[in-house]
Amino acid sequence: MQLDKIKGKELEQLFEVILSLDSMEDCYLFFDDLCTVNEMKSMAQRLEVARMLRDKQTYSQIEEETGASTATISRVKRCLNYGNGGYMAALERLDDKKRA
């Protein structure tokens, strides 16, 4: 896992804070302070690319709809195929929440 290289109290503190956020408003406030607009757009874009890849969309469809580069799409696809399953777990939870 890539994050093992930087694992430590600071990263664990960050994850603890994220896990403690109770509402969408809390997320907006925290991430607005923590990240730049471009960082947030990039993370949101990668998650959408992962969703679209999971749903068997083509690279050209994904590129057109999200504006993601083919390099970004390829990187996300590599994570979906050979990563730790983080994207899939997150997307499944999101789907479960939408169904509930």
PDB file of N, CA and C in Angstrom:
ATOM      1  N   MET A   1       0.846  -1.170   0.000  1.00  0.00           N
ATOM      2  CA  MET A   1       0.000   0.000   0.000  1.00  0.00           C
ATOM      3  C   MET A   1       0.899   1.243   0.000  1.00  0.00           C
ATOM      4  N   GLN A   2       0.586   2.187  -0.864  1.00  0.00           N
ATOM      5  CA  GLN A   2       1.395   3.394  -0.997  1.00  0.00           C
ATOM      6  C   GLN A   2       1.436   4.220   0.282  1.00  0.00           C
ATOM      7  N   LEU A   3       0.320   4.281   0.996  1.00  0.00           N
ATOM      8  CA  LEU A   3       0.271   5.109   2.197  1.00  0.00           C
ATOM      9  C   LEU A   3       1.107   4.548   3.338  1.00  0.00           C
ATOM     10  N   ASP A   4       1.515   3.286   3.241  1.00  0.00           N
ATOM     11  CA  ASP A   4       2.390   2.718   4.268  1.00  0.00           C
ATOM     12  C   ASP A   4       3.690   3.506   4.378  1.00  0.00           C
ATOM     13  N   LYS A   5       4.095   4.122   3.261  1.00  0.00           N
ATOM     14  CA  LYS A   5       5.337   4.896   3.243  1.00  0.00           C
ATOM     15  C   LYS A   5       5.249   6.142   4.122  1.00  0.00           C
ATOM     16  N   ILE A   6       4.044   6.664   4.319  1.00  0.00           N
ATOM     17  CA  ILE A   6       3.884   7.885   5.114  1.00  0.00           C
ATOM     18  C   ILE A   6       3.024   7.648   6.358  1.00  0.00           C
ATOM     19  N   LYS A   7       2.778   6.402   6.654  1.00  0.00           N
ATOM     20  CA  LYS A   7       1.945   6.056   7.805  1.00  0.00           C
ATOM     21  C   LYS A   7       2.557   6.611   9.082  1.00  0.00           C
ATOM     22  N   GLY A   8       1.719   7.168   9.911  1.00  0.00           N
ATOM     23  CA  GLY A   8       2.193   7.717  11.172  1.00  0.00           C
ATOM     24  C   GLY A   8       1.083   8.466  11.868  1.00  0.00           C
ATOM     25  N   LYS A   9       1.422   9.116  12.961  1.00  0.00           N
ATOM     26  CA  LYS A   9       0.411   9.766  13.786  1.00  0.00           C
ATOM     27  C   LYS A   9      -0.307  10.895  13.057  1.00  0.00           C
ATOM     28  N   GLU A  10       0.392  11.621  12.191  1.00  0.00           N
ATOM     29  CA  GLU A  10      -0.256  12.724  11.482  1.00  0.00           C
ATOM     30  C   GLU A  10      -1.309  12.215  10.508  1.00  0.00           C
ATOM     31  N   LEU A  11      -0.991  11.162   9.756  1.00  0.00           N
ATOM     32  CA  LEU A  11      -1.947  10.602   8.811  1.00  0.00           C
ATOM     33  C   LEU A  11      -3.116   9.964   9.552  1.00  0.00           C
ATOM     34  N   GLU A  12      -2.823   9.262  10.634  1.00  0.00           N
ATOM     35  CA  GLU A  12      -3.893   8.652  11.421  1.00  0.00           C
ATOM     36  C   GLU A  12      -4.798   9.718  12.040  1.00  0.00           C
ATOM     37  N   GLN A  13      -4.205  10.833  12.465  1.00  0.00           N
ATOM     38  CA  GLN A  13      -5.005  11.948  12.981  1.00  0.00           C
ATOM     39  C   GLN A  13      -5.941  12.480  11.902  1.00  0.00           C
ATOM     40  N   LEU A  14      -5.431  12.627  10.676  1.00  0.00           N
ATOM     41  CA  LEU A  14      -6.253  13.093   9.566  1.00  0.00           C
ATOM     42  C   LEU A  14      -7.422  12.144   9.339  1.00  0.00           C
ATOM     43  N   PHE A  15      -7.151  10.848   9.282  1.00  0.00           N
ATOM     44  CA  PHE A  15      -8.216   9.876   9.053  1.00  0.00           C
ATOM     45  C   PHE A  15      -9.221   9.874  10.202  1.00  0.00           C
ATOM     46  N   GLU A  16      -8.749  10.022  11.434  1.00  0.00           N
ATOM     47  CA  GLU A  16      -9.658  10.079  12.591  1.00  0.00           C
ATOM     48  C   GLU A  16     -10.597  11.282  12.469  1.00  0.00           C
ATOM     49  N   VAL A  17     -10.048  12.414  12.064  1.00  0.00           N
ATOM     50  CA  VAL A  17     -10.875  13.610  11.897  1.00  0.00           C
ATOM     51  C   VAL A  17     -11.911  13.384  10.803  1.00  0.00           C
ATOM     52  N   ILE A  18     -11.492  12.822   9.677  1.00  0.00           N
ATOM     53  CA  ILE A  18     -12.437  12.576   8.584  1.00  0.00           C
ATOM     54  C   ILE A  18     -13.545  11.628   9.042  1.00  0.00           C
ATOM     55  N   LEU A  19     -13.179  10.585   9.767  1.00  0.00           N
ATOM     56  CA  LEU A  19     -14.180   9.636  10.260  1.00  0.00           C
ATOM     57  C   LEU A  19     -15.127  10.270  11.279  1.00  0.00           C
ATOM     58  N   SER A  20     -14.695  11.345  11.915  1.00  0.00           N
ATOM     59  CA  SER A  20     -15.532  11.977  12.935  1.00  0.00           C
ATOM     60  C   SER A  20     -16.508  13.002  12.363  1.00  0.00           C
ATOM     61  N   LEU A  21     -16.367  13.359  11.100  1.00  0.00           N
ATOM     62  CA  LEU A  21     -17.258  14.358  10.508  1.00  0.00           C
ATOM     63  C   LEU A  21     -18.670  13.796  10.451  1.00  0.00           C
ATOM     64  N   ASP A  22     -19.644  14.594  10.934  1.00  0.00           N
ATOM     65  CA  ASP A  22     -21.012  14.095  11.095  1.00  0.00           C
ATOM     66  C   ASP A  22     -21.974  14.477   9.979  1.00  0.00           C
ATOM     67  N   SER A  23     -21.624  15.466   9.192  1.00  0.00           N
ATOM     68  CA  SER A  23     -22.588  15.939   8.203  1.00  0.00           C
ATOM     69  C   SER A  23     -21.873  16.413   6.940  1.00  0.00           C
ATOM     70  N   MET A  24     -22.662  16.597   5.903  1.00  0.00           N
ATOM     71  CA  MET A  24     -22.127  17.140   4.655  1.00  0.00           C
ATOM     72  C   MET A  24     -21.555  18.532   4.903  1.00  0.00           C
ATOM     73  N   GLU A  25     -22.240  19.313   5.719  1.00  0.00           N
ATOM     74  CA  GLU A  25     -21.757  20.663   6.044  1.00  0.00           C
ATOM     75  C   GLU A  25     -20.407  20.598   6.746  1.00  0.00           C
ATOM     76  N   ASP A  26     -20.244  19.646   7.696  1.00  0.00           N
ATOM     77  CA  ASP A  26     -18.951  19.472   8.360  1.00  0.00           C
ATOM     78  C   ASP A  26     -17.863  19.169   7.328  1.00  0.00           C
ATOM     79  N   CYS A  27     -18.182  18.331   6.359  1.00  0.00           N
ATOM     80  CA  CYS A  27     -17.212  17.988   5.310  1.00  0.00           C
ATOM     81  C   CYS A  27     -16.840  19.206   4.493  1.00  0.00           C
ATOM     82  N   TYR A  28     -17.843  19.975   4.080  1.00  0.00           N
ATOM     83  CA  TYR A  28     -17.556  21.177   3.303  1.00  0.00           C
ATOM     84  C   TYR A  28     -16.640  22.127   4.078  1.00  0.00           C
ATOM     85  N   LEU A  29     -16.937  22.341   5.350  1.00  0.00           N
ATOM     86  CA  LEU A  29     -16.137  23.266   6.157  1.00  0.00           C
ATOM     87  C   LEU A  29     -14.703  22.761   6.321  1.00  0.00           C
ATOM     88  N   PHE A  30     -14.561  21.485   6.667  1.00  0.00           N
ATOM     89  CA  PHE A  30     -13.234  20.929   6.906  1.00  0.00           C
ATOM     90  C   PHE A  30     -12.400  20.905   5.630  1.00  0.00           C
ATOM     91  N   PHE A  31     -12.959  20.348   4.556  1.00  0.00           N
ATOM     92  CA  PHE A  31     -12.184  20.219   3.328  1.00  0.00           C
ATOM     93  C   PHE A  31     -11.927  21.563   2.657  1.00  0.00           C
ATOM     94  N   ASP A  32     -12.791  22.536   2.876  1.00  0.00           N
ATOM     95  CA  ASP A  32     -12.547  23.878   2.350  1.00  0.00           C
ATOM     96  C   ASP A  32     -11.307  24.483   2.996  1.00  0.00           C
ATOM     97  N   ASP A  33     -11.123  24.203   4.282  1.00  0.00           N
ATOM     98  CA  ASP A  33      -9.928  24.681   4.973  1.00  0.00           C
ATOM     99  C   ASP A  33      -8.696  23.847   4.623  1.00  0.00           C
ATOM    100  N   LEU A  34      -8.880  22.557   4.437  1.00  0.00           N
ATOM    101  CA  LEU A  34      -7.760  21.634   4.263  1.00  0.00           C
ATOM    102  C   LEU A  34      -7.170  21.646   2.854  1.00  0.00           C
ATOM    103  N   CYS A  35      -8.016  21.689   1.845  1.00  0.00           N
ATOM    104  CA  CYS A  35      -7.577  21.482   0.454  1.00  0.00           C
ATOM    105  C   CYS A  35      -7.849  22.707  -0.403  1.00  0.00           C
ATOM    106  N   THR A  36      -7.095  22.779  -1.493  1.00  0.00           N
ATOM    107  CA  THR A  36      -7.395  23.800  -2.497  1.00  0.00           C
ATOM    108  C   THR A  36      -8.594  23.334  -3.315  1.00  0.00           C
ATOM    109  N   VAL A  37      -9.192  24.256  -4.016  1.00  0.00           N
ATOM    110  CA  VAL A  37     -10.318  23.913  -4.891  1.00  0.00           C
ATOM    111  C   VAL A  37      -9.876  22.883  -5.924  1.00  0.00           C
ATOM    112  N   ASN A  38      -8.682  23.056  -6.490  1.00  0.00           N
ATOM    113  CA  ASN A  38      -8.207  22.109  -7.505  1.00  0.00           C
ATOM    114  C   ASN A  38      -7.971  20.720  -6.932  1.00  0.00           C
ATOM    115  N   GLU A  39      -7.464  20.637  -5.683  1.00  0.00           N
ATOM    116  CA  GLU A  39      -7.284  19.325  -5.052  1.00  0.00           C
ATOM    117  C   GLU A  39      -8.627  18.629  -4.863  1.00  0.00           C
ATOM    118  N   MET A  40      -9.618  19.371  -4.432  1.00  0.00           N
ATOM    119  CA  MET A  40     -10.950  18.780  -4.234  1.00  0.00           C
ATOM    120  C   MET A  40     -11.559  18.347  -5.563  1.00  0.00           C
ATOM    121  N   LYS A  41     -11.400  19.188  -6.589  1.00  0.00           N
ATOM    122  CA  LYS A  41     -11.926  18.828  -7.906  1.00  0.00           C
ATOM    123  C   LYS A  41     -11.252  17.565  -8.430  1.00  0.00           C
ATOM    124  N   SER A  42      -9.957  17.441  -8.213  1.00  0.00           N
ATOM    125  CA  SER A  42      -9.218  16.263  -8.681  1.00  0.00           C
ATOM    126  C   SER A  42      -9.687  14.996  -7.973  1.00  0.00           C
ATOM    127  N   MET A  43      -9.861  15.069  -6.659  1.00  0.00           N
ATOM    128  CA  MET A  43     -10.311  13.887  -5.922  1.00  0.00           C
ATOM    129  C   MET A  43     -11.730  13.490  -6.335  1.00  0.00           C
ATOM    130  N   ALA A  44     -12.603  14.482  -6.457  1.00  0.00           N
ATOM    131  CA  ALA A  44     -13.982  14.200  -6.863  1.00  0.00           C
ATOM    132  C   ALA A  44     -14.006  13.620  -8.278  1.00  0.00           C
ATOM    133  N   GLN A  45     -13.163  14.156  -9.153  1.00  0.00           N
ATOM    134  CA  GLN A  45     -13.090  13.663 -10.524  1.00  0.00           C
ATOM    135  C   GLN A  45     -12.624  12.210 -10.562  1.00  0.00           C
ATOM    136  N   ARG A  46     -11.605  11.871  -9.778  1.00  0.00           N
ATOM    137  CA  ARG A  46     -11.104  10.493  -9.770  1.00  0.00           C
ATOM    138  C   ARG A  46     -12.161   9.518  -9.263  1.00  0.00           C
ATOM    139  N   LEU A  47     -12.932   9.924  -8.264  1.00  0.00           N
ATOM    140  CA  LEU A  47     -13.998   9.058  -7.774  1.00  0.00           C
ATOM    141  C   LEU A  47     -15.059   8.841  -8.851  1.00  0.00           C
ATOM    142  N   GLU A  48     -15.410   9.894  -9.566  1.00  0.00           N
ATOM    143  CA  GLU A  48     -16.387   9.766 -10.651  1.00  0.00           C
ATOM    144  C   GLU A  48     -15.836   8.896 -11.778  1.00  0.00           C
ATOM    145  N   VAL A  49     -14.566   9.045 -12.095  1.00  0.00           N
ATOM    146  CA  VAL A  49     -13.933   8.186 -13.104  1.00  0.00           C
ATOM    147  C   VAL A  49     -14.018   6.726 -12.665  1.00  0.00           C
ATOM    148  N   ALA A  50     -13.746   6.464 -11.397  1.00  0.00           N
ATOM    149  CA  ALA A  50     -13.826   5.093 -10.879  1.00  0.00           C
ATOM    150  C   ALA A  50     -15.246   4.546 -11.022  1.00  0.00           C
ATOM    151  N   ARG A  51     -16.233   5.365 -10.701  1.00  0.00           N
ATOM    152  CA  ARG A  51     -17.626   4.930 -10.829  1.00  0.00           C
ATOM    153  C   ARG A  51     -17.960   4.599 -12.278  1.00  0.00           C
ATOM    154  N   MET A  52     -17.527   5.458 -13.177  1.00  0.00           N
ATOM    155  CA  MET A  52     -17.834   5.258 -14.590  1.00  0.00           C
ATOM    156  C   MET A  52     -17.100   4.034 -15.143  1.00  0.00           C
ATOM    157  N   LEU A  53     -15.858   3.819 -14.730  1.00  0.00           N
ATOM    158  CA  LEU A  53     -15.129   2.619 -15.159  1.00  0.00           C
ATOM    159  C   LEU A  53     -15.820   1.363 -14.635  1.00  0.00           C
ATOM    160  N   ARG A  54     -16.224   1.393 -13.383  1.00  0.00           N
ATOM    161  CA  ARG A  54     -16.939   0.255 -12.805  1.00  0.00           C
ATOM    162  C   ARG A  54     -18.201  -0.042 -13.605  1.00  0.00           C
ATOM    163  N   ASP A  55     -18.849   1.021 -14.087  1.00  0.00           N
ATOM    164  CA  ASP A  55     -20.087   0.884 -14.860  1.00  0.00           C
ATOM    165  C   ASP A  55     -19.839   0.655 -16.346  1.00  0.00           C
ATOM    166  N   LYS A  56     -18.587   0.328 -16.682  1.00  0.00           N
ATOM    167  CA  LYS A  56     -18.197  -0.063 -18.050  1.00  0.00           C
ATOM    168  C   LYS A  56     -18.308   1.050 -19.085  1.00  0.00           C
ATOM    169  N   GLN A  57     -18.141   2.295 -18.651  1.00  0.00           N
ATOM    170  CA  GLN A  57     -18.108   3.405 -19.598  1.00  0.00           C
ATOM    171  C   GLN A  57     -16.769   3.372 -20.342  1.00  0.00           C
ATOM    172  N   THR A  58     -16.749   3.888 -21.548  1.00  0.00           N
ATOM    173  CA  THR A  58     -15.521   3.920 -22.327  1.00  0.00           C
ATOM    174  C   THR A  58     -14.658   5.116 -21.918  1.00  0.00           C
ATOM    175  N   TYR A  59     -13.376   5.029 -22.271  1.00  0.00           N
ATOM    176  CA  TYR A  59     -12.468   6.144 -21.987  1.00  0.00           C
ATOM    177  C   TYR A  59     -13.002   7.432 -22.605  1.00  0.00           C
ATOM    178  N   SER A  60     -13.481   7.369 -23.833  1.00  0.00           N
ATOM    179  CA  SER A  60     -13.947   8.594 -24.496  1.00  0.00           C
ATOM    180  C   SER A  60     -15.186   9.157 -23.801  1.00  0.00           C
ATOM    181  N   GLN A  61     -16.079   8.299 -23.337  1.00  0.00           N
ATOM    182  CA  GLN A  61     -17.245   8.779 -22.595  1.00  0.00           C
ATOM    183  C   GLN A  61     -16.805   9.455 -21.290  1.00  0.00           C
ATOM    184  N   ILE A  62     -15.871   8.819 -20.603  1.00  0.00           N
ATOM    185  CA  ILE A  62     -15.394   9.353 -19.325  1.00  0.00           C
ATOM    186  C   ILE A  62     -14.673  10.671 -19.533  1.00  0.00           C
ATOM    187  N   GLU A  63     -13.811  10.712 -20.541  1.00  0.00           N
ATOM    188  CA  GLU A  63     -13.062  11.932 -20.852  1.00  0.00           C
ATOM    189  C   GLU A  63     -14.014  13.076 -21.179  1.00  0.00           C
ATOM    190  N   GLU A  64     -15.026  12.794 -21.984  1.00  0.00           N
ATOM    191  CA  GLU A  64     -15.984  13.821 -22.392  1.00  0.00           C
ATOM    192  C   GLU A  64     -16.815  14.314 -21.210  1.00  0.00           C
ATOM    193  N   GLU A  65     -17.285  13.391 -20.378  1.00  0.00           N
ATOM    194  CA  GLU A  65     -18.175  13.768 -19.276  1.00  0.00           C
ATOM    195  C   GLU A  65     -17.449  14.411 -18.100  1.00  0.00           C
ATOM    196  N   THR A  66     -16.236  13.945 -17.803  1.00  0.00           N
ATOM    197  CA  THR A  66     -15.546  14.430 -16.607  1.00  0.00           C
ATOM    198  C   THR A  66     -14.429  15.420 -16.899  1.00  0.00           C
ATOM    199  N   GLY A  67     -13.924  15.409 -18.121  1.00  0.00           N
ATOM    200  CA  GLY A  67     -12.763  16.236 -18.450  1.00  0.00           C
ATOM    201  C   GLY A  67     -11.450  15.626 -17.994  1.00  0.00           C
ATOM    202  N   ALA A  68     -11.496  14.398 -17.484  1.00  0.00           N
ATOM    203  CA  ALA A  68     -10.285  13.717 -17.017  1.00  0.00           C
ATOM    204  C   ALA A  68      -9.406  13.351 -18.205  1.00  0.00           C
ATOM    205  N   SER A  69      -8.107  13.430 -17.992  1.00  0.00           N
ATOM    206  CA  SER A  69      -7.172  13.022 -19.036  1.00  0.00           C
ATOM    207  C   SER A  69      -7.140  11.493 -19.123  1.00  0.00           C
ATOM    208  N   THR A  70      -6.650  11.002 -20.246  1.00  0.00           N
ATOM    209  CA  THR A  70      -6.522   9.548 -20.370  1.00  0.00           C
ATOM    210  C   THR A  70      -5.523   9.004 -19.355  1.00  0.00           C
ATOM    211  N   ALA A  71      -4.534   9.805 -18.972  1.00  0.00           N
ATOM    212  CA  ALA A  71      -3.571   9.377 -17.948  1.00  0.00           C
ATOM    213  C   ALA A  71      -4.278   9.180 -16.601  1.00  0.00           C
ATOM    214  N   THR A  72      -5.161  10.106 -16.254  1.00  0.00           N
ATOM    215  CA  THR A  72      -5.922   9.978 -15.002  1.00  0.00           C
ATOM    216  C   THR A  72      -6.835   8.768 -15.061  1.00  0.00           C
ATOM    217  N   ILE A  73      -7.510   8.590 -16.175  1.00  0.00           N
ATOM    218  CA  ILE A  73      -8.413   7.449 -16.328  1.00  0.00           C
ATOM    219  C   ILE A  73      -7.626   6.150 -16.209  1.00  0.00           C
ATOM    220  N   SER A  74      -6.474   6.083 -16.848  1.00  0.00           N
ATOM    221  CA  SER A  74      -5.636   4.881 -16.774  1.00  0.00           C
ATOM    222  C   SER A  74      -5.160   4.608 -15.355  1.00  0.00           C
ATOM    223  N   ARG A  75      -4.787   5.642 -14.639  1.00  0.00           N
ATOM    224  CA  ARG A  75      -4.324   5.462 -13.264  1.00  0.00           C
ATOM    225  C   ARG A  75      -5.449   4.934 -12.380  1.00  0.00           C
ATOM    226  N   VAL A  76      -6.637   5.503 -12.532  1.00  0.00           N
ATOM    227  CA  VAL A  76      -7.778   5.038 -11.742  1.00  0.00           C
ATOM    228  C   VAL A  76      -8.108   3.596 -12.110  1.00  0.00           C
ATOM    229  N   LYS A  77      -8.051   3.275 -13.399  1.00  0.00           N
ATOM    230  CA  LYS A  77      -8.331   1.902 -13.828  1.00  0.00           C
ATOM    231  C   LYS A  77      -7.320   0.928 -13.224  1.00  0.00           C
ATOM    232  N   ARG A  78      -6.060   1.324 -13.190  1.00  0.00           N
ATOM    233  CA  ARG A  78      -5.022   0.484 -12.590  1.00  0.00           C
ATOM    234  C   ARG A  78      -5.322   0.243 -11.105  1.00  0.00           C
ATOM    235  N   CYS A  79      -5.772   1.284 -10.416  1.00  0.00           N
ATOM    236  CA  CYS A  79      -6.138   1.136  -8.998  1.00  0.00           C
ATOM    237  C   CYS A  79      -7.344   0.216  -8.836  1.00  0.00           C
ATOM    238  N   LEU A  80      -8.309   0.338  -9.737  1.00  0.00           N
ATOM    239  CA  LEU A  80      -9.477  -0.552  -9.672  1.00  0.00           C
ATOM    240  C   LEU A  80      -9.075  -2.005  -9.884  1.00  0.00           C
ATOM    241  N   ASN A  81      -8.174  -2.229 -10.813  1.00  0.00           N
ATOM    242  CA  ASN A  81      -7.789  -3.597 -11.166  1.00  0.00           C
ATOM    243  C   ASN A  81      -6.741  -4.202 -10.244  1.00  0.00           C
ATOM    244  N   TYR A  82      -5.811  -3.385  -9.765  1.00  0.00           N
ATOM    245  CA  TYR A  82      -4.669  -3.926  -9.024  1.00  0.00           C
ATOM    246  C   TYR A  82      -4.454  -3.264  -7.667  1.00  0.00           C
ATOM    247  N   GLY A  83      -5.361  -2.382  -7.273  1.00  0.00           N
ATOM    248  CA  GLY A  83      -5.193  -1.647  -6.026  1.00  0.00           C
ATOM    249  C   GLY A  83      -5.686  -2.430  -4.815  1.00  0.00           C
ATOM    250  N   ASN A  84      -6.023  -1.709  -3.783  1.00  0.00           N
ATOM    251  CA  ASN A  84      -6.420  -2.298  -2.514  1.00  0.00           C
ATOM    252  C   ASN A  84      -7.924  -2.456  -2.351  1.00  0.00           C
ATOM    253  N   GLY A  85      -8.691  -2.101  -3.376  1.00  0.00           N
ATOM    254  CA  GLY A  85     -10.139  -2.225  -3.301  1.00  0.00           C
ATOM    255  C   GLY A  85     -10.832  -1.031  -2.665  1.00  0.00           C
ATOM    256  N   GLY A  86     -10.086   0.025  -2.433  1.00  0.00           N
ATOM    257  CA  GLY A  86     -10.654   1.205  -1.787  1.00  0.00           C
ATOM    258  C   GLY A  86     -11.746   1.885  -2.598  1.00  0.00           C
ATOM    259  N   TYR A  87     -11.506   2.047  -3.881  1.00  0.00           N
ATOM    260  CA  TYR A  87     -12.535   2.659  -4.726  1.00  0.00           C
ATOM    261  C   TYR A  87     -13.809   1.827  -4.704  1.00  0.00           C
ATOM    262  N   MET A  88     -13.666   0.523  -4.902  1.00  0.00           N
ATOM    263  CA  MET A  88     -14.848  -0.338  -4.968  1.00  0.00           C
ATOM    264  C   MET A  88     -15.608  -0.338  -3.652  1.00  0.00           C
ATOM    265  N   ALA A  89     -14.912  -0.400  -2.537  1.00  0.00           N
ATOM    266  CA  ALA A  89     -15.576  -0.381  -1.229  1.00  0.00           C
ATOM    267  C   ALA A  89     -16.341   0.930  -1.040  1.00  0.00           C
ATOM    268  N   ALA A  90     -15.707   2.041  -1.405  1.00  0.00           N
ATOM    269  CA  ALA A  90     -16.355   3.345  -1.258  1.00  0.00           C
ATOM    270  C   ALA A  90     -17.575   3.461  -2.164  1.00  0.00           C
ATOM    271  N   LEU A  91     -17.445   3.001  -3.403  1.00  0.00           N
ATOM    272  CA  LEU A  91     -18.571   3.068  -4.337  1.00  0.00           C
ATOM    273  C   LEU A  91     -19.715   2.168  -3.903  1.00  0.00           C
ATOM    274  N   GLU A  92     -19.405   1.001  -3.363  1.00  0.00           N
ATOM    275  CA  GLU A  92     -20.450   0.106  -2.864  1.00  0.00           C
ATOM    276  C   GLU A  92     -21.194   0.743  -1.692  1.00  0.00           C
ATOM    277  N   ARG A  93     -20.457   1.387  -0.805  1.00  0.00           N
ATOM    278  CA  ARG A  93     -21.114   2.073   0.322  1.00  0.00           C
ATOM    279  C   ARG A  93     -21.996   3.203  -0.166  1.00  0.00           C
ATOM    280  N   LEU A  94     -21.521   3.938  -1.163  1.00  0.00           N
ATOM    281  CA  LEU A  94     -22.316   5.021  -1.727  1.00  0.00           C
ATOM    282  C   LEU A  94     -23.586   4.464  -2.369  1.00  0.00           C
ATOM    283  N   ASP A  95     -23.459   3.368  -3.112  1.00  0.00           N
ATOM    284  CA  ASP A  95     -24.637   2.733  -3.711  1.00  0.00           C
ATOM    285  C   ASP A  95     -25.614   2.266  -2.646  1.00  0.00           C
ATOM    286  N   ASP A  96     -25.105   1.650  -1.579  1.00  0.00           N
ATOM    287  CA  ASP A  96     -25.961   1.182  -0.485  1.00  0.00           C
ATOM    288  C   ASP A  96     -26.715   2.352   0.148  1.00  0.00           C
ATOM    289  N   LYS A  97     -26.020   3.453   0.336  1.00  0.00           N
ATOM    290  CA  LYS A  97     -26.648   4.625   0.943  1.00  0.00           C
ATOM    291  C   LYS A  97     -27.750   5.187   0.043  1.00  0.00           C
ATOM    292  N   LYS A  98     -27.507   5.200  -1.254  1.00  0.00           N
ATOM    293  CA  LYS A  98     -28.509   5.699  -2.198  1.00  0.00           C
ATOM    294  C   LYS A  98     -29.743   4.806  -2.233  1.00  0.00           C
ATOM    295  N   ARG A  99     -29.518   3.487  -2.065  1.00  0.00           N
ATOM    296  CA  ARG A  99     -30.647   2.545  -2.079  1.00  0.00           C
ATOM    297  C   ARG A  99     -31.475   2.606  -0.789  1.00  0.00           C
ATOM    298  N   ALA A 100     -30.844   3.027   0.289  1.00  0.00           N
ATOM    299  CA  ALA A 100     -31.531   3.031   1.602  1.00  0.00           C
ATOM    300  C   ALA A 100     -32.517   4.176   1.734  1.00  0.00           C
TER     301      ALA A 100
END
